């Protein structure tokens, strides 16, 4: 008979990872990766959540994802913040009406 070729690499044991997303219930825990898969073009890990349970964790929420970037602001937001700070500074520098 014909032999069917199936990709098994995504179902092979994939070691351990640490959940880094601070809002995830497993944050900070080192968990066993049961397997990985692609969902909507993103790599997802199915991990052992303990007590026989499993959880799916996106790669970017783990120590296997890209290194976290420093907090960045959009240039428009920084421009608006600067305008607000300038307005507050000039308001504080002017004496209020009625003050001597």
Protein backbone atom coordinates (compact mmCIF):
# COMPACT_ATOMS: atom_id res chain seq x y z
CA UNK A 1 0.00 0.00 0.00
CA UNK A 2 0.85 3.62 -0.24
CA UNK A 3 2.43 5.22 2.76
CA UNK A 4 0.92 8.50 3.91
CA UNK A 5 3.41 11.17 4.83
CA UNK A 6 2.36 13.30 7.77
CA UNK A 7 4.28 16.06 9.47
CA UNK A 8 4.90 14.95 13.03
CA UNK A 9 7.36 17.61 14.15
CA UNK A 10 4.64 19.80 15.63
CA UNK A 11 3.40 16.88 17.74
CA UNK A 12 6.81 15.84 19.07
CA UNK A 13 7.78 16.76 22.63
CA UNK A 14 9.05 20.33 22.61
CA UNK A 15 10.66 20.71 26.04
CA UNK A 16 9.80 23.39 28.55
CA UNK A 17 9.03 27.11 28.50
CA UNK A 18 8.24 29.91 30.92
CA UNK A 19 5.05 31.95 30.55
CA UNK A 20 5.97 35.66 30.55
CA UNK A 21 2.61 37.36 29.88
CA UNK A 22 1.80 38.97 33.22
CA UNK A 23 -1.97 38.53 32.86
CA UNK A 24 -1.81 34.81 32.05
CA UNK A 25 -2.77 32.43 34.89
CA UNK A 26 0.53 30.55 34.43
CA UNK A 27 2.76 33.65 34.51
CA UNK A 28 6.23 32.92 35.84
CA UNK A 29 5.71 29.17 35.75
CA UNK A 30 7.97 26.81 33.84
CA UNK A 31 5.66 24.37 32.07
CA UNK A 32 6.08 21.37 29.82
CA UNK A 33 5.27 21.89 26.15
CA UNK A 34 3.07 19.04 24.97
CA UNK A 35 3.11 20.18 21.33
CA UNK A 36 2.97 23.29 19.18
CA UNK A 37 0.72 24.32 16.33
CA UNK A 38 -0.05 27.23 14.03
CA UNK A 39 -3.30 29.11 14.48
CA UNK A 40 -4.11 32.13 12.32
CA UNK A 41 -0.46 32.26 11.27
CA UNK A 42 0.82 32.42 14.86
CA UNK A 43 2.72 29.73 16.71
CA UNK A 44 0.85 28.41 19.73
CA UNK A 45 2.05 26.04 22.42
CA UNK A 46 -0.19 23.55 24.16
CA UNK A 47 1.27 23.18 27.63
CA UNK A 48 0.67 21.05 30.70
CA UNK A 49 -1.23 23.33 33.09
CA UNK A 50 -1.10 20.83 35.94
CA UNK A 51 -3.79 18.58 37.40
CA UNK A 52 -4.18 16.91 34.01
CA UNK A 53 -5.20 20.17 32.33
CA UNK A 54 -3.84 21.81 29.21
CA UNK A 55 -3.63 25.42 28.14
CA UNK A 56 -2.80 27.08 24.85
CA UNK A 57 -0.25 29.89 25.05
CA UNK A 58 0.83 32.12 22.13
CA UNK A 59 4.59 32.05 21.49
CA UNK A 60 4.93 35.78 22.17
CA UNK A 61 3.63 35.22 25.72
CA UNK A 62 6.57 32.94 26.51
CA UNK A 63 10.32 33.09 26.89
CA UNK A 64 10.50 31.57 23.40
CA UNK A 65 8.90 34.62 21.84
CA UNK A 66 10.72 37.74 20.67
CA UNK A 67 12.55 39.71 23.34
CA UNK A 68 10.23 42.31 24.85
CA UNK A 69 10.85 45.80 23.55
CA UNK A 70 11.20 48.75 25.82
CA UNK A 71 7.96 50.61 26.30
CA UNK A 72 7.59 52.75 23.22
CA UNK A 73 5.21 55.56 22.46
CA UNK A 74 3.96 56.60 19.06
CA UNK A 75 5.54 59.87 17.88
CA UNK A 76 2.08 61.49 17.77
CA UNK A 77 1.48 60.60 21.42
CA UNK A 78 4.84 62.12 22.41
CA UNK A 79 4.04 65.30 20.47
CA UNK A 80 0.68 65.58 22.26
CA UNK A 81 2.35 64.95 25.63
CA UNK A 82 4.93 67.65 24.94
CA UNK A 83 2.19 70.16 24.02
CA UNK A 84 0.34 69.32 27.25
CA UNK A 85 3.50 69.72 29.35
CA UNK A 86 4.33 73.03 27.65
CA UNK A 87 0.80 74.30 28.33
CA UNK A 88 1.02 73.27 31.98
CA UNK A 89 4.47 74.81 32.39
CA UNK A 90 3.39 78.15 30.91
CA UNK A 91 0.24 78.15 33.07
CA UNK A 92 2.32 77.55 36.20
CA UNK A 93 4.77 80.29 35.22
CA UNK A 94 2.02 82.95 34.89
CA UNK A 95 0.68 84.55 38.05
CA UNK A 96 -3.07 84.05 38.39
CA UNK A 97 -5.32 87.12 38.18
CA UNK A 98 -5.70 88.79 41.56
CA UNK A 99 -2.37 87.53 42.95
CA UNK A 100 0.31 90.02 43.90
